[in-house]
Protein backbone atom coordinates (compact mmCIF):
# COMPACT_ATOMS: atom_id res chain seq x y z
CA MET A 1 -72.08 105.04 -56.45
CA GLY A 2 -68.67 106.32 -56.92
CA PRO A 3 -65.65 107.10 -53.92
CA GLN A 4 -67.06 110.64 -53.29
CA ARG A 5 -70.35 109.15 -52.25
CA GLU A 6 -68.58 106.04 -50.57
CA VAL A 7 -66.28 108.17 -48.36
CA PHE A 8 -69.36 110.80 -47.43
CA GLU A 9 -71.47 107.44 -46.32
CA LEU A 10 -68.19 106.46 -44.03
CA ARG A 11 -67.41 110.09 -43.00
CA VAL A 12 -64.17 110.60 -44.41
CA PRO A 13 -63.26 113.67 -45.98
CA CYS A 14 -62.68 113.72 -49.54
CA THR A 15 -61.27 116.07 -52.11
CA THR A 16 -62.16 116.32 -55.79
CA VAL A 17 -60.18 117.88 -57.99
CA ARG A 18 -62.84 119.28 -60.53
CA THR A 19 -64.77 122.35 -60.49
CA GLU A 20 -68.15 120.58 -60.33
CA THR A 21 -69.41 117.11 -59.01
CA GLU A 22 -72.67 115.20 -59.95
CA TRP A 23 -72.81 114.36 -55.95
CA VAL A 24 -73.62 117.65 -54.86
CA LYS A 25 -74.92 116.70 -51.94
CA THR A 26 -71.48 115.44 -50.56
CA VAL A 27 -70.09 118.74 -50.93
CA GLU A 28 -73.29 120.66 -48.88
CA PRO A 29 -72.68 119.29 -45.62
CA GLY A 30 -68.77 119.78 -46.14
CA TRP A 31 -67.20 116.20 -46.29
CA ASN A 32 -66.29 116.81 -50.14
CA VAL A 33 -64.72 119.90 -51.12
CA LEU A 34 -64.11 120.64 -54.76
CA VAL A 35 -60.51 122.33 -55.29
CA GLY A 36 -58.49 123.49 -58.62
CA PRO A 37 -54.75 122.18 -58.84
CA GLY A 38 -53.22 124.91 -56.62
CA GLU A 39 -55.53 123.90 -53.85
CA ILE A 40 -55.12 120.30 -53.04
CA ALA A 41 -52.68 120.38 -50.12
CA ALA A 42 -54.54 122.86 -48.42
CA ALA A 43 -57.85 120.79 -48.97
CA ALA A 44 -56.56 117.52 -47.95
CA THR A 45 -55.07 118.94 -44.76
CA ARG A 46 -58.34 120.40 -43.82
CA ALA A 47 -60.10 119.56 -40.43
CA PRO A 48 -62.74 117.18 -40.79
CA PRO A 49 -66.73 119.07 -41.08
CA GLU A 50 -68.97 118.67 -37.76
CA GLU A 51 -70.30 115.15 -37.36
CA SER A 52 -74.01 114.82 -38.17
CA ASN A 53 -76.78 112.53 -38.80
CA ALA A 54 -77.57 113.83 -42.40
CA ALA A 55 -78.21 110.64 -44.61
CA PRO A 56 -79.02 112.27 -48.01
CA TYR A 57 -78.87 109.26 -49.87
CA GLY A 58 -81.31 107.17 -47.58
CA ASP A 59 -80.34 104.90 -44.51
CA GLY A 60 -79.63 101.74 -46.82
CA ARG A 61 -82.58 100.19 -45.94
CA ALA A 62 -85.18 101.01 -48.76
CA ALA A 63 -85.79 97.12 -49.93
CA GLN A 64 -86.63 95.81 -46.22
CA ARG A 65 -89.27 98.94 -46.48
CA VAL A 66 -90.61 97.90 -50.04
CA VAL A 67 -91.00 94.20 -48.91
CA GLU A 68 -92.89 95.38 -45.64
CA ALA A 69 -94.89 97.74 -47.89
CA LEU A 70 -95.89 94.86 -50.22
CA ALA A 71 -96.39 92.30 -47.20
CA THR A 72 -99.44 94.16 -45.63
CA LYS A 73 -101.28 94.70 -49.07
C-alpha cells in the first residue's frame, strides 16, 4: 500500500503531483487529485469531498471471512 491509498482509507485529502496513478479508485470519489506543478497550491487548499462509506479496496475483514468459510467446510 502507498500513501495515496492510506490517506484515502483515513479520508484525508491527497494531492498527487503526477498525470496518472495506479490508485484510480482514490481519484474517482475525489479524495485524491492529480495535478501538474502549477496546480499544487489550489489542489492542496481545496475542500475535502463529501463523506461516504465507499470501500473500493474492501473493509479489512477478508482474512476473517476466509477463516469462517474454511471452518464451514
